[in-house]
């Protein structure tokens, strides 16, 4: 858990730092705070609203957030402060959607489909797979952004920034299609 939290914080901090956002630490902390609050709320809402509604709302919210993030990263190059603020808001919207939908509801469904006899062993396997994949994603995201950005040593700083922003957009689109 500590390793993933560290990787997740490094990735979000590096992402916010690459947007030339002056307040990287508060932006990164806000992601964690929003995730904690929304997860607590979704644990309460799953019994009231039901799994299907939460999954639909969460998936729609995540899709809208990734679409907005892609537009912001591709279009607001002349206003880096506005771009940074809107990118943070889009990331926070994505975190809210994930915490409400796929982040919380999958564990409820898994507990319902497993028999009582196998539940503890199955959950151990599910959690191990989940954390292992999260670790790999956390370690490889920045490499994917750099690789998809297509930066070269001969580029000036503005060209490198534009290429890296396009790389982040490609990764965000891939994440959007991966969640469906």
C-alpha atoms as a PDB file:
ATOM      1  CA  UNK A   1       0.000   0.000   0.000  1.00  0.00           C
ATOM      2  CA  UNK A   2       2.810   2.399   0.864  1.00  0.00           C
ATOM      3  CA  UNK A   3       4.622   1.683  -2.389  1.00  0.00           C
ATOM      4  CA  UNK A   4       1.536   2.359  -4.503  1.00  0.00           C
ATOM      5  CA  UNK A   5       0.697   5.509  -2.574  1.00  0.00           C
ATOM      6  CA  UNK A   6       4.216   6.770  -3.155  1.00  0.00           C
ATOM      7  CA  UNK A   7       4.104   5.939  -6.884  1.00  0.00           C
ATOM      8  CA  UNK A   8       0.634   7.469  -7.232  1.00  0.00           C
ATOM      9  CA  UNK A   9       1.761  10.649  -5.486  1.00  0.00           C
ATOM     10  CA  UNK A  10       4.890  10.865  -7.646  1.00  0.00           C
ATOM     11  CA  UNK A  11       2.890  10.409 -10.847  1.00  0.00           C
ATOM     12  CA  UNK A  12       0.254  13.001  -9.941  1.00  0.00           C
ATOM     13  CA  UNK A  13       2.900  15.426  -8.642  1.00  0.00           C
ATOM     14  CA  UNK A  14       4.977  14.994 -11.819  1.00  0.00           C
ATOM     15  CA  UNK A  15       1.857  15.425 -13.938  1.00  0.00           C
ATOM     16  CA  UNK A  16       0.897  18.656 -12.188  1.00  0.00           C
ATOM     17  CA  UNK A  17       4.502  19.877 -12.260  1.00  0.00           C
ATOM     18  CA  UNK A  18       4.671  19.292 -16.025  1.00  0.00           C
ATOM     19  CA  UNK A  19       1.679  21.608 -16.440  1.00  0.00           C
ATOM     20  CA  UNK A  20       3.747  24.452 -14.980  1.00  0.00           C
ATOM     21  CA  UNK A  21       1.355  24.588 -12.071  1.00  0.00           C
ATOM     22  CA  UNK A  22       2.816  26.627  -9.221  1.00  0.00           C
ATOM     23  CA  UNK A  23       0.867  24.776  -6.533  1.00  0.00           C
ATOM     24  CA  UNK A  24       1.827  21.162  -7.262  1.00  0.00           C
ATOM     25  CA  UNK A  25       1.763  19.975  -3.653  1.00  0.00           C
ATOM     26  CA  UNK A  26      -1.753  21.310  -2.864  1.00  0.00           C
ATOM     27  CA  UNK A  27      -3.026  19.943  -6.181  1.00  0.00           C
ATOM     28  CA  UNK A  28      -1.598  16.492  -5.396  1.00  0.00           C
ATOM     29  CA  UNK A  29      -2.959  16.620  -1.838  1.00  0.00           C
ATOM     30  CA  UNK A  30      -6.390  17.597  -3.147  1.00  0.00           C
ATOM     31  CA  UNK A  31      -6.467  14.439  -5.281  1.00  0.00           C
ATOM     32  CA  UNK A  32      -5.938  12.305  -2.167  1.00  0.00           C
ATOM     33  CA  UNK A  33      -8.454  14.267  -0.098  1.00  0.00           C
ATOM     34  CA  UNK A  34     -11.126  14.114  -2.795  1.00  0.00           C
ATOM     35  CA  UNK A  35     -10.508  10.380  -3.216  1.00  0.00           C
ATOM     36  CA  UNK A  36     -10.868   9.749   0.527  1.00  0.00           C
ATOM     37  CA  UNK A  37     -14.044  11.824   0.913  1.00  0.00           C
ATOM     38  CA  UNK A  38     -15.701  10.450  -2.212  1.00  0.00           C
ATOM     39  CA  UNK A  39     -14.875   6.844  -1.321  1.00  0.00           C
ATOM     40  CA  UNK A  40     -16.455   7.317   2.108  1.00  0.00           C
ATOM     41  CA  UNK A  41     -19.564   8.819   0.522  1.00  0.00           C
ATOM     42  CA  UNK A  42     -19.828   6.038  -2.058  1.00  0.00           C
ATOM     43  CA  UNK A  43     -19.659   3.374   0.667  1.00  0.00           C
ATOM     44  CA  UNK A  44     -22.784   4.963   2.099  1.00  0.00           C
ATOM     45  CA  UNK A  45     -24.486   5.528  -1.275  1.00  0.00           C
ATOM     46  CA  UNK A  46     -24.061   1.974  -2.599  1.00  0.00           C
ATOM     47  CA  UNK A  47     -26.876   0.739  -0.333  1.00  0.00           C
ATOM     48  CA  UNK A  48     -29.148   3.687  -1.077  1.00  0.00           C
ATOM     49  CA  UNK A  49     -28.729   4.164  -4.838  1.00  0.00           C
ATOM     50  CA  UNK A  50     -27.642   0.696  -5.896  1.00  0.00           C
ATOM     51  CA  UNK A  51     -24.645  -0.642  -7.790  1.00  0.00           C
ATOM     52  CA  UNK A  52     -25.905  -0.032 -11.303  1.00  0.00           C
ATOM     53  CA  UNK A  53     -26.590   3.684 -10.814  1.00  0.00           C
ATOM     54  CA  UNK A  54     -23.211   4.266  -9.162  1.00  0.00           C
ATOM     55  CA  UNK A  55     -21.394   2.411 -11.943  1.00  0.00           C
ATOM     56  CA  UNK A  56     -23.195   4.422 -14.619  1.00  0.00           C
ATOM     57  CA  UNK A  57     -22.666   7.786 -12.918  1.00  0.00           C
ATOM     58  CA  UNK A  58     -19.033   7.003 -12.169  1.00  0.00           C
ATOM     59  CA  UNK A  59     -18.238   5.838 -15.710  1.00  0.00           C
ATOM     60  CA  UNK A  60     -19.942   8.854 -17.287  1.00  0.00           C
ATOM     61  CA  UNK A  61     -18.098  11.172 -14.902  1.00  0.00           C
ATOM     62  CA  UNK A  62     -14.743   9.535 -15.728  1.00  0.00           C
ATOM     63  CA  UNK A  63     -15.383   9.739 -19.473  1.00  0.00           C
ATOM     64  CA  UNK A  64     -16.356  13.414 -19.307  1.00  0.00           C
ATOM     65  CA  UNK A  65     -13.320  14.187 -17.137  1.00  0.00           C
ATOM     66  CA  UNK A  66     -10.873  12.495 -19.523  1.00  0.00           C
ATOM     67  CA  UNK A  67     -12.465  14.227 -22.496  1.00  0.00           C
ATOM     68  CA  UNK A  68     -12.154  17.607 -20.757  1.00  0.00           C
ATOM     69  CA  UNK A  69      -8.571  16.858 -19.753  1.00  0.00           C
ATOM     70  CA  UNK A  70      -7.676  15.982 -23.333  1.00  0.00           C
ATOM     71  CA  UNK A  71      -9.222  19.201 -24.630  1.00  0.00           C
ATOM     72  CA  UNK A  72      -7.479  21.280 -21.981  1.00  0.00           C
ATOM     73  CA  UNK A  73      -4.078  19.753 -22.661  1.00  0.00           C
ATOM     74  CA  UNK A  74      -4.389  20.198 -26.406  1.00  0.00           C
ATOM     75  CA  UNK A  75      -5.976  23.631 -26.623  1.00  0.00           C
ATOM     76  CA  UNK A  76      -4.914  25.974 -23.833  1.00  0.00           C
ATOM     77  CA  UNK A  77      -1.183  26.163 -24.550  1.00  0.00           C
ATOM     78  CA  UNK A  78      -1.173  29.980 -24.549  1.00  0.00           C
ATOM     79  CA  UNK A  79      -2.587  30.197 -21.008  1.00  0.00           C
ATOM     80  CA  UNK A  80      -0.551  27.814 -18.824  1.00  0.00           C
ATOM     81  CA  UNK A  81      -2.136  28.921 -15.536  1.00  0.00           C
ATOM     82  CA  UNK A  82      -5.676  28.339 -16.792  1.00  0.00           C
ATOM     83  CA  UNK A  83      -4.545  25.090 -18.369  1.00  0.00           C
ATOM     84  CA  UNK A  84      -3.084  23.907 -15.058  1.00  0.00           C
ATOM     85  CA  UNK A  85      -6.157  24.801 -13.024  1.00  0.00           C
ATOM     86  CA  UNK A  86      -8.566  23.194 -15.511  1.00  0.00           C
ATOM     87  CA  UNK A  87      -6.375  20.089 -15.718  1.00  0.00           C
ATOM     88  CA  UNK A  88      -6.435  19.725 -11.930  1.00  0.00           C
ATOM     89  CA  UNK A  89     -10.223  20.122 -11.922  1.00  0.00           C
ATOM     90  CA  UNK A  90     -10.550  17.469 -14.656  1.00  0.00           C
ATOM     91  CA  UNK A  91      -8.322  15.083 -12.684  1.00  0.00           C
ATOM     92  CA  UNK A  92     -10.405  15.691  -9.556  1.00  0.00           C
ATOM     93  CA  UNK A  93     -13.591  14.986 -11.525  1.00  0.00           C
ATOM     94  CA  UNK A  94     -12.024  11.742 -12.769  1.00  0.00           C
ATOM     95  CA  UNK A  95     -11.096  10.739  -9.207  1.00  0.00           C
ATOM     96  CA  UNK A  96     -14.661  11.451  -8.061  1.00  0.00           C
ATOM     97  CA  UNK A  97     -16.081   9.317 -10.879  1.00  0.00           C
ATOM     98  CA  UNK A  98     -13.706   6.457 -10.166  1.00  0.00           C
ATOM     99  CA  UNK A  99     -14.294   6.532  -6.405  1.00  0.00           C
ATOM    100  CA  UNK A 100     -18.072   6.554  -6.882  1.00  0.00           C
ATOM    101  CA  UNK A 101     -18.214   3.883  -9.573  1.00  0.00           C
ATOM    102  CA  UNK A 102     -15.522   1.376 -10.397  1.00  0.00           C
ATOM    103  CA  UNK A 103     -13.412   2.005  -7.302  1.00  0.00           C
ATOM    104  CA  UNK A 104     -16.089   1.121  -4.773  1.00  0.00           C
ATOM    105  CA  UNK A 105     -18.704  -1.002  -6.494  1.00  0.00           C
ATOM    106  CA  UNK A 106     -16.382  -3.724  -7.797  1.00  0.00           C
ATOM    107  CA  UNK A 107     -15.561  -4.804  -4.236  1.00  0.00           C
ATOM    108  CA  UNK A 108     -19.251  -5.099  -3.390  1.00  0.00           C
ATOM    109  CA  UNK A 109     -19.856  -7.235  -6.471  1.00  0.00           C
ATOM    110  CA  UNK A 110     -16.839  -9.447  -5.760  1.00  0.00           C
ATOM    111  CA  UNK A 111     -18.052 -10.118  -2.230  1.00  0.00           C
ATOM    112  CA  UNK A 112     -21.468 -11.121  -3.557  1.00  0.00           C
ATOM    113  CA  UNK A 113     -20.298 -13.524  -6.275  1.00  0.00           C
ATOM    114  CA  UNK A 114     -17.858 -15.525  -4.135  1.00  0.00           C
ATOM    115  CA  UNK A 115     -19.043 -18.303  -1.864  1.00  0.00           C
ATOM    116  CA  UNK A 116     -18.367 -17.922   1.844  1.00  0.00           C
ATOM    117  CA  UNK A 117     -15.913 -20.834   1.788  1.00  0.00           C
ATOM    118  CA  UNK A 118     -13.655 -19.261  -0.879  1.00  0.00           C
ATOM    119  CA  UNK A 119     -14.153 -15.594  -0.105  1.00  0.00           C
ATOM    120  CA  UNK A 120     -11.009 -14.939   1.978  1.00  0.00           C
ATOM    121  CA  UNK A 121      -8.663 -16.717  -0.443  1.00  0.00           C
ATOM    122  CA  UNK A 122     -10.335 -15.126  -3.463  1.00  0.00           C
ATOM    123  CA  UNK A 123     -10.099 -11.642  -1.949  1.00  0.00           C
ATOM    124  CA  UNK A 124      -6.425 -12.201  -1.193  1.00  0.00           C
ATOM    125  CA  UNK A 125      -5.904 -13.071  -4.853  1.00  0.00           C
ATOM    126  CA  UNK A 126      -8.046 -10.131  -6.076  1.00  0.00           C
ATOM    127  CA  UNK A 127      -6.233  -7.618  -3.879  1.00  0.00           C
ATOM    128  CA  UNK A 128      -2.807  -8.934  -4.888  1.00  0.00           C
ATOM    129  CA  UNK A 129      -3.658  -8.649  -8.577  1.00  0.00           C
ATOM    130  CA  UNK A 130      -5.164  -5.201  -8.068  1.00  0.00           C
ATOM    131  CA  UNK A 131      -2.141  -3.805  -6.206  1.00  0.00           C
ATOM    132  CA  UNK A 132       0.310  -5.435  -8.616  1.00  0.00           C
ATOM    133  CA  UNK A 133      -1.382  -3.899 -11.650  1.00  0.00           C
ATOM    134  CA  UNK A 134      -1.657  -0.522  -9.898  1.00  0.00           C
ATOM    135  CA  UNK A 135       2.067  -0.637  -9.148  1.00  0.00           C
ATOM    136  CA  UNK A 136       2.920  -1.400 -12.773  1.00  0.00           C
ATOM    137  CA  UNK A 137       0.652   1.402 -14.011  1.00  0.00           C
ATOM    138  CA  UNK A 138       2.155   3.843 -11.517  1.00  0.00           C
ATOM    139  CA  UNK A 139       5.674   2.956 -12.587  1.00  0.00           C
ATOM    140  CA  UNK A 140       5.030   3.016 -16.333  1.00  0.00           C
ATOM    141  CA  UNK A 141       2.704   6.013 -16.765  1.00  0.00           C
ATOM    142  CA  UNK A 142       5.426   8.645 -16.951  1.00  0.00           C
ATOM    143  CA  UNK A 143       7.446   6.458 -19.328  1.00  0.00           C
ATOM    144  CA  UNK A 144       4.391   6.107 -21.564  1.00  0.00           C
ATOM    145  CA  UNK A 145       3.814   9.859 -21.534  1.00  0.00           C
ATOM    146  CA  UNK A 146       7.423  10.507 -22.506  1.00  0.00           C
ATOM    147  CA  UNK A 147       7.340   7.810 -25.183  1.00  0.00           C
ATOM    148  CA  UNK A 148       4.067   8.948 -26.711  1.00  0.00           C
ATOM    149  CA  UNK A 149       5.137  12.579 -26.567  1.00  0.00           C
ATOM    150  CA  UNK A 150       7.889  11.944 -29.097  1.00  0.00           C
ATOM    151  CA  UNK A 151      10.393  14.401 -27.651  1.00  0.00           C
ATOM    152  CA  UNK A 152      13.833  14.696 -29.200  1.00  0.00           C
ATOM    153  CA  UNK A 153      17.011  16.337 -27.975  1.00  0.00           C
ATOM    154  CA  UNK A 154      17.006  18.703 -30.969  1.00  0.00           C
ATOM    155  CA  UNK A 155      13.652  20.270 -29.927  1.00  0.00           C
ATOM    156  CA  UNK A 156      13.493  23.567 -28.083  1.00  0.00           C
ATOM    157  CA  UNK A 157      11.602  23.806 -24.777  1.00  0.00           C
ATOM    158  CA  UNK A 158       8.281  24.888 -26.295  1.00  0.00           C
ATOM    159  CA  UNK A 159       8.317  22.030 -28.801  1.00  0.00           C
ATOM    160  CA  UNK A 160       9.126  19.542 -26.030  1.00  0.00           C
ATOM    161  CA  UNK A 161       6.267  20.876 -23.878  1.00  0.00           C
ATOM    162  CA  UNK A 162       3.798  20.532 -26.758  1.00  0.00           C
ATOM    163  CA  UNK A 163       4.993  16.997 -27.532  1.00  0.00           C
ATOM    164  CA  UNK A 164       4.727  15.955 -23.873  1.00  0.00           C
ATOM    165  CA  UNK A 165       1.199  17.381 -23.640  1.00  0.00           C
ATOM    166  CA  UNK A 166       0.197  15.329 -26.677  1.00  0.00           C
ATOM    167  CA  UNK A 167       1.720  12.277 -24.979  1.00  0.00           C
ATOM    168  CA  UNK A 168      -0.355  12.890 -21.850  1.00  0.00           C
ATOM    169  CA  UNK A 169      -3.445  13.211 -24.021  1.00  0.00           C
ATOM    170  CA  UNK A 170      -2.731   9.849 -25.667  1.00  0.00           C
ATOM    171  CA  UNK A 171      -2.342   8.217 -22.240  1.00  0.00           C
ATOM    172  CA  UNK A 172      -5.599   9.803 -21.006  1.00  0.00           C
ATOM    173  CA  UNK A 173      -7.465   8.526 -24.071  1.00  0.00           C
ATOM    174  CA  UNK A 174      -6.037   5.046 -23.519  1.00  0.00           C
ATOM    175  CA  UNK A 175      -7.128   5.148 -19.877  1.00  0.00           C
ATOM    176  CA  UNK A 176     -10.631   6.222 -20.915  1.00  0.00           C
ATOM    177  CA  UNK A 177     -11.022   3.265 -23.276  1.00  0.00           C
ATOM    178  CA  UNK A 178      -9.446   0.908 -20.747  1.00  0.00           C
ATOM    179  CA  UNK A 179     -12.095   1.672 -18.115  1.00  0.00           C
ATOM    180  CA  UNK A 180     -15.006   0.502 -20.269  1.00  0.00           C
END
